[in-house]
Amino acid sequence: LAILDDRDTGVVITGLHTRDRTRVYMKDIRVGKSNFELSAEEKKAILSAQKSK
């Protein structure tokens, strides 16, 4: 899930599920980019959020 404003700044939220736990990660997005490495799914979510404006 990516949530972006009109300047492509916001967050991407990722959930990783295992049998005994769920971990949720949030990465800052500024002007469409992150200081953290993004997975293919996270990049896809960002592109989708950018197109839906």
N, C-alpha and C. Protein backbone atom coordinates (compact mmCIF):
# COMPACT_ATOMS: atom_id res chain seq x y z
N LEU A 1 0.85 -1.17 0.00
CA LEU A 1 0.00 0.00 0.00
C LEU A 1 0.90 1.24 0.00
N ALA A 2 0.67 2.13 -0.95
CA ALA A 2 1.40 3.39 -1.00
C ALA A 2 0.41 4.53 -0.86
N ILE A 3 0.74 5.48 0.00
CA ILE A 3 -0.08 6.67 0.20
C ILE A 3 0.80 7.88 -0.10
N LEU A 4 0.44 8.62 -1.15
CA LEU A 4 1.25 9.74 -1.60
C LEU A 4 0.40 11.00 -1.76
N ASP A 5 1.04 12.16 -1.53
CA ASP A 5 0.36 13.42 -1.78
C ASP A 5 0.64 13.88 -3.21
N ASP A 6 0.25 15.10 -3.54
CA ASP A 6 0.43 15.60 -4.90
C ASP A 6 1.89 15.84 -5.28
N ARG A 7 2.79 15.78 -4.32
CA ARG A 7 4.23 15.91 -4.59
C ARG A 7 4.94 14.56 -4.55
N ASP A 8 4.16 13.46 -4.59
CA ASP A 8 4.70 12.09 -4.51
C ASP A 8 5.48 11.86 -3.23
N THR A 9 5.04 12.47 -2.15
CA THR A 9 5.64 12.28 -0.84
C THR A 9 4.63 11.59 0.06
N GLY A 10 5.10 10.58 0.79
CA GLY A 10 4.22 9.84 1.68
C GLY A 10 4.91 8.60 2.22
N VAL A 11 4.18 7.49 2.24
CA VAL A 11 4.72 6.24 2.78
C VAL A 11 4.28 5.06 1.92
N VAL A 12 5.07 4.00 2.00
CA VAL A 12 4.67 2.71 1.47
C VAL A 12 4.67 1.75 2.66
N ILE A 13 3.60 0.98 2.80
CA ILE A 13 3.43 0.07 3.93
C ILE A 13 3.41 -1.35 3.39
N THR A 14 4.22 -2.22 4.00
CA THR A 14 4.34 -3.61 3.58
C THR A 14 4.10 -4.53 4.76
N GLY A 15 3.35 -5.59 4.55
CA GLY A 15 3.13 -6.59 5.60
C GLY A 15 3.72 -7.92 5.17
N LEU A 16 4.52 -8.52 6.06
CA LEU A 16 5.09 -9.84 5.81
C LEU A 16 4.49 -10.81 6.81
N HIS A 17 3.88 -11.88 6.30
CA HIS A 17 3.16 -12.83 7.15
C HIS A 17 3.89 -14.16 7.20
N THR A 18 4.05 -14.71 8.39
CA THR A 18 4.54 -16.07 8.59
C THR A 18 3.50 -16.82 9.40
N ARG A 19 3.77 -18.06 9.69
CA ARG A 19 2.81 -18.86 10.42
C ARG A 19 2.53 -18.31 11.81
N ASP A 20 3.55 -17.78 12.47
CA ASP A 20 3.37 -17.35 13.86
C ASP A 20 3.45 -15.85 14.09
N ARG A 21 3.61 -15.05 13.05
CA ARG A 21 3.64 -13.59 13.26
C ARG A 21 3.45 -12.83 11.95
N THR A 22 3.14 -11.58 12.12
CA THR A 22 3.04 -10.64 11.00
C THR A 22 3.90 -9.44 11.33
N ARG A 23 4.70 -9.04 10.37
CA ARG A 23 5.53 -7.84 10.54
C ARG A 23 5.07 -6.79 9.54
N VAL A 24 4.98 -5.56 10.01
CA VAL A 24 4.56 -4.46 9.16
C VAL A 24 5.70 -3.45 9.09
N TYR A 25 6.06 -3.07 7.87
CA TYR A 25 7.14 -2.11 7.64
C TYR A 25 6.57 -0.88 6.94
N MET A 26 7.11 0.27 7.28
CA MET A 26 6.72 1.51 6.65
C MET A 26 7.99 2.23 6.20
N LYS A 27 8.00 2.66 4.94
CA LYS A 27 9.16 3.37 4.39
C LYS A 27 8.70 4.73 3.88
N ASP A 28 9.47 5.76 4.23
CA ASP A 28 9.18 7.11 3.75
C ASP A 28 9.42 7.21 2.25
N ILE A 29 8.56 7.96 1.60
CA ILE A 29 8.73 8.26 0.17
C ILE A 29 8.76 9.77 0.03
N ARG A 30 9.79 10.28 -0.62
CA ARG A 30 9.91 11.72 -0.87
C ARG A 30 10.17 11.92 -2.35
N VAL A 31 9.28 12.66 -2.98
CA VAL A 31 9.33 12.94 -4.42
C VAL A 31 9.45 11.62 -5.21
N GLY A 32 8.68 10.62 -4.79
CA GLY A 32 8.63 9.35 -5.50
C GLY A 32 9.76 8.39 -5.24
N LYS A 33 10.67 8.73 -4.33
CA LYS A 33 11.83 7.86 -4.06
C LYS A 33 11.99 7.63 -2.56
N SER A 34 12.71 6.55 -2.22
CA SER A 34 12.96 6.22 -0.82
C SER A 34 14.45 6.08 -0.58
N ASN A 35 14.88 6.35 0.64
CA ASN A 35 16.27 6.12 1.01
C ASN A 35 16.53 4.64 1.28
N PHE A 36 15.46 3.85 1.35
CA PHE A 36 15.56 2.42 1.59
C PHE A 36 15.36 1.67 0.28
N GLU A 37 15.93 0.48 0.20
CA GLU A 37 15.71 -0.36 -0.97
C GLU A 37 14.25 -0.79 -1.00
N LEU A 38 13.63 -0.69 -2.17
CA LEU A 38 12.23 -1.04 -2.32
C LEU A 38 12.10 -2.36 -3.08
N SER A 39 11.16 -3.18 -2.65
CA SER A 39 10.88 -4.43 -3.36
C SER A 39 10.12 -4.11 -4.64
N ALA A 40 10.01 -5.09 -5.51
CA ALA A 40 9.25 -4.92 -6.75
C ALA A 40 7.80 -4.58 -6.45
N GLU A 41 7.23 -5.22 -5.43
CA GLU A 41 5.84 -4.96 -5.05
C GLU A 41 5.66 -3.54 -4.52
N GLU A 42 6.64 -3.04 -3.76
CA GLU A 42 6.57 -1.67 -3.23
C GLU A 42 6.66 -0.66 -4.37
N LYS A 43 7.55 -0.91 -5.32
CA LYS A 43 7.67 -0.02 -6.49
C LYS A 43 6.37 0.00 -7.28
N LYS A 44 5.75 -1.17 -7.43
CA LYS A 44 4.48 -1.26 -8.15
C LYS A 44 3.39 -0.48 -7.43
N ALA A 45 3.36 -0.56 -6.10
CA ALA A 45 2.36 0.18 -5.32
C ALA A 45 2.56 1.68 -5.47
N ILE A 46 3.80 2.14 -5.51
CA ILE A 46 4.08 3.56 -5.68
C ILE A 46 3.62 4.03 -7.06
N LEU A 47 3.93 3.26 -8.09
CA LEU A 47 3.49 3.62 -9.44
C LEU A 47 1.96 3.67 -9.53
N SER A 48 1.31 2.72 -8.89
CA SER A 48 -0.15 2.69 -8.89
C SER A 48 -0.72 3.93 -8.18
N ALA A 49 -0.12 4.31 -7.06
CA ALA A 49 -0.57 5.50 -6.33
C ALA A 49 -0.35 6.77 -7.16
N GLN A 50 0.76 6.83 -7.88
CA GLN A 50 1.04 8.00 -8.71
C GLN A 50 0.04 8.12 -9.85
N LYS A 51 -0.37 6.99 -10.42
CA LYS A 51 -1.31 7.00 -11.55
C LYS A 51 -2.73 7.31 -11.11
N SER A 52 -3.05 7.04 -9.85
CA SER A 52 -4.44 7.19 -9.40
C SER A 52 -4.80 8.62 -9.00
N LYS A 53 -3.88 9.56 -9.15
CA LYS A 53 -4.16 10.95 -8.76
C LYS A 53 -5.01 11.64 -9.79
